[in-house]
Amino acid sequence: RNLMTIRLARDIGINNVIDRAASYGLNADDLNRNDLSTSLGTASLSLISMTSAYSVFANNGKRAKPYYLEGIQDVTGKQIY
């Protein structure tokens, strides 16, 4: 499966892969433009960055800005977590 992914990235161009990833909100500076292994996920990306990128698939092609939950309240406003 990895070889198939590498061949696809080579055929369409690693720059196109990285540009598409950047359109999903990933920082293109974190992706190596000279290395086909980038298409296998070898870049060091943060969890919040990946969460933002995956939101594109779940949100009809539009990126949703992720946010952290700082607490959870019940219907009366009492902090439960």
PDB file of N, CA and C in Angstrom:
ATOM      1  N   ARG A   1       0.816  -1.195   0.000  1.00  0.00           N
ATOM      2  CA  ARG A   1       0.000   0.000   0.000  1.00  0.00           C
ATOM      3  C   ARG A   1       0.859   1.257   0.000  1.00  0.00           C
ATOM      4  N   ASN A   2       1.972   1.198   0.713  1.00  0.00           N
ATOM      5  CA  ASN A   2       2.848   2.368   0.733  1.00  0.00           C
ATOM      6  C   ASN A   2       3.404   2.666  -0.652  1.00  0.00           C
ATOM      7  N   LEU A   3       3.788   1.633  -1.369  1.00  0.00           N
ATOM      8  CA  LEU A   3       4.348   1.829  -2.701  1.00  0.00           C
ATOM      9  C   LEU A   3       3.316   2.471  -3.631  1.00  0.00           C
ATOM     10  N   MET A   4       2.069   2.051  -3.499  1.00  0.00           N
ATOM     11  CA  MET A   4       1.009   2.628  -4.317  1.00  0.00           C
ATOM     12  C   MET A   4       0.847   4.123  -4.010  1.00  0.00           C
ATOM     13  N   THR A   5       0.928   4.479  -2.728  1.00  0.00           N
ATOM     14  CA  THR A   5       0.801   5.880  -2.321  1.00  0.00           C
ATOM     15  C   THR A   5       1.969   6.706  -2.837  1.00  0.00           C
ATOM     16  N   ILE A   6       3.171   6.152  -2.742  1.00  0.00           N
ATOM     17  CA  ILE A   6       4.355   6.847  -3.250  1.00  0.00           C
ATOM     18  C   ILE A   6       4.250   7.065  -4.757  1.00  0.00           C
ATOM     19  N   ARG A   7       3.815   6.037  -5.487  1.00  0.00           N
ATOM     20  CA  ARG A   7       3.675   6.174  -6.948  1.00  0.00           C
ATOM     21  C   ARG A   7       2.636   7.224  -7.311  1.00  0.00           C
ATOM     22  N   LEU A   8       1.530   7.257  -6.583  1.00  0.00           N
ATOM     23  CA  LEU A   8       0.499   8.256  -6.848  1.00  0.00           C
ATOM     24  C   LEU A   8       1.036   9.658  -6.595  1.00  0.00           C
ATOM     25  N   ALA A   9       1.728   9.842  -5.478  1.00  0.00           N
ATOM     26  CA  ALA A   9       2.310  11.156  -5.164  1.00  0.00           C
ATOM     27  C   ALA A   9       3.328  11.562  -6.222  1.00  0.00           C
ATOM     28  N   ARG A  10       4.113  10.613  -6.702  1.00  0.00           N
ATOM     29  CA  ARG A  10       5.099  10.902  -7.738  1.00  0.00           C
ATOM     30  C   ARG A  10       4.395  11.293  -9.041  1.00  0.00           C
ATOM     31  N   ASP A  11       3.333  10.556  -9.386  1.00  0.00           N
ATOM     32  CA  ASP A  11       2.640  10.818 -10.648  1.00  0.00           C
ATOM     33  C   ASP A  11       1.915  12.164 -10.660  1.00  0.00           C
ATOM     34  N   ILE A  12       1.277  12.519  -9.552  1.00  0.00           N
ATOM     35  CA  ILE A  12       0.559  13.801  -9.531  1.00  0.00           C
ATOM     36  C   ILE A  12       1.444  14.943  -9.064  1.00  0.00           C
ATOM     37  N   GLY A  13       2.585  14.607  -8.481  1.00  0.00           N
ATOM     38  CA  GLY A  13       3.543  15.613  -8.026  1.00  0.00           C
ATOM     39  C   GLY A  13       3.399  15.890  -6.542  1.00  0.00           C
ATOM     40  N   ILE A  14       4.492  15.749  -5.821  1.00  0.00           N
ATOM     41  CA  ILE A  14       4.457  15.951  -4.369  1.00  0.00           C
ATOM     42  C   ILE A  14       4.057  17.385  -4.031  1.00  0.00           C
ATOM     43  N   ASN A  15       4.392  18.341  -4.891  1.00  0.00           N
ATOM     44  CA  ASN A  15       3.978  19.728  -4.637  1.00  0.00           C
ATOM     45  C   ASN A  15       2.464  19.871  -4.682  1.00  0.00           C
ATOM     46  N   ASN A  16       1.805  19.137  -5.575  1.00  0.00           N
ATOM     47  CA  ASN A  16       0.344  19.173  -5.620  1.00  0.00           C
ATOM     48  C   ASN A  16      -0.259  18.556  -4.366  1.00  0.00           C
ATOM     49  N   VAL A  17       0.343  17.486  -3.872  1.00  0.00           N
ATOM     50  CA  VAL A  17      -0.120  16.854  -2.632  1.00  0.00           C
ATOM     51  C   VAL A  17      -0.001  17.841  -1.474  1.00  0.00           C
ATOM     52  N   ILE A  18       1.130  18.499  -1.386  1.00  0.00           N
ATOM     53  CA  ILE A  18       1.369  19.448  -0.294  1.00  0.00           C
ATOM     54  C   ILE A  18       0.471  20.666  -0.418  1.00  0.00           C
ATOM     55  N   ASP A  19       0.260  21.144  -1.628  1.00  0.00           N
ATOM     56  CA  ASP A  19      -0.640  22.286  -1.825  1.00  0.00           C
ATOM     57  C   ASP A  19      -2.068  21.936  -1.410  1.00  0.00           C
ATOM     58  N   ARG A  20      -2.496  20.714  -1.709  1.00  0.00           N
ATOM     59  CA  ARG A  20      -3.835  20.289  -1.308  1.00  0.00           C
ATOM     60  C   ARG A  20      -3.916  20.187   0.217  1.00  0.00           C
ATOM     61  N   ALA A  21      -2.878  19.637   0.833  1.00  0.00           N
ATOM     62  CA  ALA A  21      -2.844  19.547   2.296  1.00  0.00           C
ATOM     63  C   ALA A  21      -2.895  20.939   2.917  1.00  0.00           C
ATOM     64  N   ALA A  22      -2.212  21.892   2.307  1.00  0.00           N
ATOM     65  CA  ALA A  22      -2.242  23.270   2.805  1.00  0.00           C
ATOM     66  C   ALA A  22      -3.638  23.868   2.681  1.00  0.00           C
ATOM     67  N   SER A  23      -4.368  23.503   1.631  1.00  0.00           N
ATOM     68  CA  SER A  23      -5.732  24.017   1.485  1.00  0.00           C
ATOM     69  C   SER A  23      -6.657  23.450   2.561  1.00  0.00           C
ATOM     70  N   TYR A  24      -6.252  22.335   3.173  1.00  0.00           N
ATOM     71  CA  TYR A  24      -7.008  21.754   4.282  1.00  0.00           C
ATOM     72  C   TYR A  24      -6.603  22.351   5.622  1.00  0.00           C
ATOM     73  N   GLY A  25      -5.642  23.271   5.590  1.00  0.00           N
ATOM     74  CA  GLY A  25      -5.243  23.952   6.811  1.00  0.00           C
ATOM     75  C   GLY A  25      -3.933  23.478   7.403  1.00  0.00           C
ATOM     76  N   LEU A  26      -3.277  22.518   6.767  1.00  0.00           N
ATOM     77  CA  LEU A  26      -1.981  22.072   7.274  1.00  0.00           C
ATOM     78  C   LEU A  26      -0.921  23.077   6.872  1.00  0.00           C
ATOM     79  N   ASN A  27       0.055  23.280   7.726  1.00  0.00           N
ATOM     80  CA  ASN A  27       1.120  24.228   7.462  1.00  0.00           C
ATOM     81  C   ASN A  27       2.078  23.633   6.434  1.00  0.00           C
ATOM     82  N   ALA A  28       2.115  24.198   5.253  1.00  0.00           N
ATOM     83  CA  ALA A  28       2.958  23.672   4.173  1.00  0.00           C
ATOM     84  C   ALA A  28       4.434  23.729   4.533  1.00  0.00           C
ATOM     85  N   ASP A  29       4.823  24.622   5.444  1.00  0.00           N
ATOM     86  CA  ASP A  29       6.226  24.699   5.856  1.00  0.00           C
ATOM     87  C   ASP A  29       6.648  23.450   6.631  1.00  0.00           C
ATOM     88  N   ASP A  30       5.684  22.740   7.240  1.00  0.00           N
ATOM     89  CA  ASP A  30       5.987  21.522   7.991  1.00  0.00           C
ATOM     90  C   ASP A  30       6.099  20.301   7.086  1.00  0.00           C
ATOM     91  N   LEU A  31       5.746  20.448   5.828  1.00  0.00           N
ATOM     92  CA  LEU A  31       5.761  19.335   4.885  1.00  0.00           C
ATOM     93  C   LEU A  31       6.974  19.470   3.969  1.00  0.00           C
ATOM     94  N   ASN A  32       7.697  18.386   3.754  1.00  0.00           N
ATOM     95  CA  ASN A  32       8.936  18.408   2.973  1.00  0.00           C
ATOM     96  C   ASN A  32       8.631  18.274   1.488  1.00  0.00           C
ATOM     97  N   ARG A  33       8.848  19.319   0.735  1.00  0.00           N
ATOM     98  CA  ARG A  33       8.535  19.330  -0.697  1.00  0.00           C
ATOM     99  C   ARG A  33       9.467  18.452  -1.528  1.00  0.00           C
ATOM    100  N   ASN A  34      10.554  17.996  -0.971  1.00  0.00           N
ATOM    101  CA  ASN A  34      11.515  17.205  -1.740  1.00  0.00           C
ATOM    102  C   ASN A  34      11.475  15.728  -1.395  1.00  0.00           C
ATOM    103  N   ASP A  35      10.473  15.300  -0.672  1.00  0.00           N
ATOM    104  CA  ASP A  35      10.473  13.940  -0.166  1.00  0.00           C
ATOM    105  C   ASP A  35       9.105  13.289  -0.375  1.00  0.00           C
ATOM    106  N   LEU A  36       9.066  12.234  -1.182  1.00  0.00           N
ATOM    107  CA  LEU A  36       7.806  11.538  -1.441  1.00  0.00           C
ATOM    108  C   LEU A  36       7.245  10.855  -0.198  1.00  0.00           C
ATOM    109  N   SER A  37       8.084  10.606   0.810  1.00  0.00           N
ATOM    110  CA  SER A  37       7.581   9.975   2.028  1.00  0.00           C
ATOM    111  C   SER A  37       6.589  10.873   2.764  1.00  0.00           C
ATOM    112  N   THR A  38       6.552  12.148   2.418  1.00  0.00           N
ATOM    113  CA  THR A  38       5.554  13.054   2.988  1.00  0.00           C
ATOM    114  C   THR A  38       4.147  12.543   2.721  1.00  0.00           C
ATOM    115  N   SER A  39       3.955  11.895   1.576  1.00  0.00           N
ATOM    116  CA  SER A  39       2.628  11.363   1.246  1.00  0.00           C
ATOM    117  C   SER A  39       2.234  10.197   2.145  1.00  0.00           C
ATOM    118  N   LEU A  40       3.194   9.648   2.884  1.00  0.00           N
ATOM    119  CA  LEU A  40       2.914   8.561   3.822  1.00  0.00           C
ATOM    120  C   LEU A  40       2.645   9.065   5.235  1.00  0.00           C
ATOM    121  N   GLY A  41       2.766  10.374   5.423  1.00  0.00           N
ATOM    122  CA  GLY A  41       2.495  10.932   6.738  1.00  0.00           C
ATOM    123  C   GLY A  41       3.720  11.072   7.611  1.00  0.00           C
ATOM    124  N   THR A  42       4.882  11.306   7.026  1.00  0.00           N
ATOM    125  CA  THR A  42       6.108  11.399   7.809  1.00  0.00           C
ATOM    126  C   THR A  42       6.343  12.773   8.418  1.00  0.00           C
ATOM    127  N   ALA A  43       5.523  13.741   8.089  1.00  0.00           N
ATOM    128  CA  ALA A  43       5.700  15.087   8.643  1.00  0.00           C
ATOM    129  C   ALA A  43       5.269  15.118  10.105  1.00  0.00           C
ATOM    130  N   SER A  44       5.910  15.971  10.869  1.00  0.00           N
ATOM    131  CA  SER A  44       5.553  16.144  12.280  1.00  0.00           C
ATOM    132  C   SER A  44       4.512  17.247  12.376  1.00  0.00           C
ATOM    133  N   LEU A  45       3.271  16.850  12.561  1.00  0.00           N
ATOM    134  CA  LEU A  45       2.171  17.803  12.645  1.00  0.00           C
ATOM    135  C   LEU A  45       1.491  17.667  13.997  1.00  0.00           C
ATOM    136  N   SER A  46       0.960  18.755  14.492  1.00  0.00           N
ATOM    137  CA  SER A  46       0.296  18.726  15.797  1.00  0.00           C
ATOM    138  C   SER A  46      -1.088  18.095  15.681  1.00  0.00           C
ATOM    139  N   LEU A  47      -1.601  17.635  16.804  1.00  0.00           N
ATOM    140  CA  LEU A  47      -2.935  17.043  16.839  1.00  0.00           C
ATOM    141  C   LEU A  47      -3.992  18.061  16.431  1.00  0.00           C
ATOM    142  N   ILE A  48      -3.861  19.288  16.881  1.00  0.00           N
ATOM    143  CA  ILE A  48      -4.848  20.315  16.538  1.00  0.00           C
ATOM    144  C   ILE A  48      -4.811  20.620  15.040  1.00  0.00           C
ATOM    145  N   SER A  49      -3.637  20.551  14.445  1.00  0.00           N
ATOM    146  CA  SER A  49      -3.498  20.771  13.007  1.00  0.00           C
ATOM    147  C   SER A  49      -4.181  19.644  12.219  1.00  0.00           C
ATOM    148  N   MET A  50      -3.957  18.411  12.640  1.00  0.00           N
ATOM    149  CA  MET A  50      -4.581  17.263  11.967  1.00  0.00           C
ATOM    150  C   MET A  50      -6.098  17.271  12.163  1.00  0.00           C
ATOM    151  N   THR A  51      -6.552  17.632  13.351  1.00  0.00           N
ATOM    152  CA  THR A  51      -7.987  17.720  13.620  1.00  0.00           C
ATOM    153  C   THR A  51      -8.643  18.727  12.687  1.00  0.00           C
ATOM    154  N   SER A  52      -7.982  19.851  12.510  1.00  0.00           N
ATOM    155  CA  SER A  52      -8.489  20.878  11.611  1.00  0.00           C
ATOM    156  C   SER A  52      -8.559  20.359  10.173  1.00  0.00           C
ATOM    157  N   ALA A  53      -7.530  19.648   9.741  1.00  0.00           N
ATOM    158  CA  ALA A  53      -7.499  19.125   8.371  1.00  0.00           C
ATOM    159  C   ALA A  53      -8.590  18.089   8.146  1.00  0.00           C
ATOM    160  N   TYR A  54      -8.795  17.186   9.088  1.00  0.00           N
ATOM    161  CA  TYR A  54      -9.823  16.155   8.935  1.00  0.00           C
ATOM    162  C   TYR A  54     -11.237  16.733   8.983  1.00  0.00           C
ATOM    163  N   SER A  55     -11.389  17.916   9.562  1.00  0.00           N
ATOM    164  CA  SER A  55     -12.718  18.524   9.618  1.00  0.00           C
ATOM    165  C   SER A  55     -13.252  18.825   8.218  1.00  0.00           C
ATOM    166  N   VAL A  56     -12.363  18.963   7.242  1.00  0.00           N
ATOM    167  CA  VAL A  56     -12.767  19.237   5.862  1.00  0.00           C
ATOM    168  C   VAL A  56     -13.653  18.101   5.333  1.00  0.00           C
ATOM    169  N   PHE A  57     -13.291  16.861   5.667  1.00  0.00           N
ATOM    170  CA  PHE A  57     -14.055  15.714   5.179  1.00  0.00           C
ATOM    171  C   PHE A  57     -15.414  15.614   5.853  1.00  0.00           C
ATOM    172  N   ALA A  58     -15.491  15.976   7.110  1.00  0.00           N
ATOM    173  CA  ALA A  58     -16.737  15.851   7.865  1.00  0.00           C
ATOM    174  C   ALA A  58     -17.651  17.060   7.698  1.00  0.00           C
ATOM    175  N   ASN A  59     -17.150  18.123   7.096  1.00  0.00           N
ATOM    176  CA  ASN A  59     -17.894  19.376   7.023  1.00  0.00           C
ATOM    177  C   ASN A  59     -18.133  19.817   5.584  1.00  0.00           C
ATOM    178  N   ASN A  60     -18.419  18.865   4.705  1.00  0.00           N
ATOM    179  CA  ASN A  60     -18.756  19.157   3.305  1.00  0.00           C
ATOM    180  C   ASN A  60     -17.709  20.002   2.586  1.00  0.00           C
ATOM    181  N   GLY A  61     -16.426  19.714   2.850  1.00  0.00           N
ATOM    182  CA  GLY A  61     -15.355  20.396   2.144  1.00  0.00           C
ATOM    183  C   GLY A  61     -14.921  21.720   2.726  1.00  0.00           C
ATOM    184  N   LYS A  62     -15.507  22.137   3.820  1.00  0.00           N
ATOM    185  CA  LYS A  62     -15.130  23.403   4.449  1.00  0.00           C
ATOM    186  C   LYS A  62     -14.405  23.114   5.756  1.00  0.00           C
ATOM    187  N   ARG A  63     -13.313  23.820   5.951  1.00  0.00           N
ATOM    188  CA  ARG A  63     -12.519  23.611   7.162  1.00  0.00           C
ATOM    189  C   ARG A  63     -13.172  24.295   8.341  1.00  0.00           C
ATOM    190  N   ALA A  64     -13.303  23.560   9.421  1.00  0.00           N
ATOM    191  CA  ALA A  64     -13.832  24.120  10.661  1.00  0.00           C
ATOM    192  C   ALA A  64     -12.664  24.423  11.577  1.00  0.00           C
ATOM    193  N   LYS A  65     -12.688  25.580  12.183  1.00  0.00           N
ATOM    194  CA  LYS A  65     -11.611  25.946  13.096  1.00  0.00           C
ATOM    195  C   LYS A  65     -11.798  25.166  14.403  1.00  0.00           C
ATOM    196  N   PRO A  66     -10.819  24.357  14.785  1.00  0.00           N
ATOM    197  CA  PRO A  66     -10.962  23.569  16.017  1.00  0.00           C
ATOM    198  C   PRO A  66     -10.814  24.450  17.256  1.00  0.00           C
ATOM    199  N   TYR A  67     -11.359  23.978  18.344  1.00  0.00           N
ATOM    200  CA  TYR A  67     -11.241  24.695  19.608  1.00  0.00           C
ATOM    201  C   TYR A  67     -11.184  23.690  20.746  1.00  0.00           C
ATOM    202  N   TYR A  68     -10.651  24.137  21.856  1.00  0.00           N
ATOM    203  CA  TYR A  68     -10.529  23.286  23.038  1.00  0.00           C
ATOM    204  C   TYR A  68     -11.719  23.520  23.956  1.00  0.00           C
ATOM    205  N   LEU A  69     -12.177  22.448  24.581  1.00  0.00           N
ATOM    206  CA  LEU A  69     -13.189  22.582  25.620  1.00  0.00           C
ATOM    207  C   LEU A  69     -12.479  22.858  26.935  1.00  0.00           C
ATOM    208  N   GLU A  70     -12.890  23.902  27.597  1.00  0.00           N
ATOM    209  CA  GLU A  70     -12.260  24.237  28.872  1.00  0.00           C
ATOM    210  C   GLU A  70     -13.063  23.704  30.049  1.00  0.00           C
ATOM    211  N   GLY A  71     -14.286  23.324  29.799  1.00  0.00           N
ATOM    212  CA  GLY A  71     -15.123  22.801  30.867  1.00  0.00           C
ATOM    213  C   GLY A  71     -16.471  22.378  30.322  1.00  0.00           C
ATOM    214  N   ILE A  72     -17.215  21.655  31.147  1.00  0.00           N
ATOM    215  CA  ILE A  72     -18.555  21.210  30.774  1.00  0.00           C
ATOM    216  C   ILE A  72     -19.509  21.585  31.894  1.00  0.00           C
ATOM    217  N   GLN A  73     -20.625  22.191  31.517  1.00  0.00           N
ATOM    218  CA  GLN A  73     -21.640  22.598  32.487  1.00  0.00           C
ATOM    219  C   GLN A  73     -22.927  21.862  32.221  1.00  0.00           C
ATOM    220  N   ASP A  74     -23.703  21.641  33.293  1.00  0.00           N
ATOM    221  CA  ASP A  74     -25.032  21.049  33.097  1.00  0.00           C
ATOM    222  C   ASP A  74     -26.007  22.159  32.741  1.00  0.00           C
ATOM    223  N   VAL A  75     -27.292  21.845  32.601  1.00  0.00           N
ATOM    224  CA  VAL A  75     -28.280  22.823  32.146  1.00  0.00           C
ATOM    225  C   VAL A  75     -28.493  23.961  33.153  1.00  0.00           C
ATOM    226  N   THR A  76     -28.099  23.754  34.401  1.00  0.00           N
ATOM    227  CA  THR A  76     -28.240  24.812  35.409  1.00  0.00           C
ATOM    228  C   THR A  76     -27.021  25.698  35.486  1.00  0.00           C
ATOM    229  N   GLY A  77     -25.971  25.370  34.733  1.00  0.00           N
ATOM    230  CA  GLY A  77     -24.757  26.166  34.749  1.00  0.00           C
ATOM    231  C   GLY A  77     -23.720  25.664  35.723  1.00  0.00           C
ATOM    232  N   LYS A  78     -23.982  24.555  36.393  1.00  0.00           N
ATOM    233  CA  LYS A  78     -23.030  23.993  37.351  1.00  0.00           C
ATOM    234  C   LYS A  78     -21.905  23.301  36.582  1.00  0.00           C
ATOM    235  N   GLN A  79     -20.688  23.640  36.982  1.00  0.00           N
ATOM    236  CA  GLN A  79     -19.507  23.049  36.335  1.00  0.00           C
ATOM    237  C   GLN A  79     -19.413  21.573  36.743  1.00  0.00           C
ATOM    238  N   ILE A  80     -19.460  20.670  35.746  1.00  0.00           N
ATOM    239  CA  ILE A  80     -19.377  19.242  36.066  1.00  0.00           C
ATOM    240  C   ILE A  80     -18.056  18.644  35.633  1.00  0.00           C
ATOM    241  N   TYR A  81     -17.294  19.360  34.827  1.00  0.00           N
ATOM    242  CA  TYR A  81     -15.965  18.888  34.444  1.00  0.00           C
ATOM    243  C   TYR A  81     -15.105  20.058  34.100  1.00  0.00           C
TER     244      TYR A  81
END
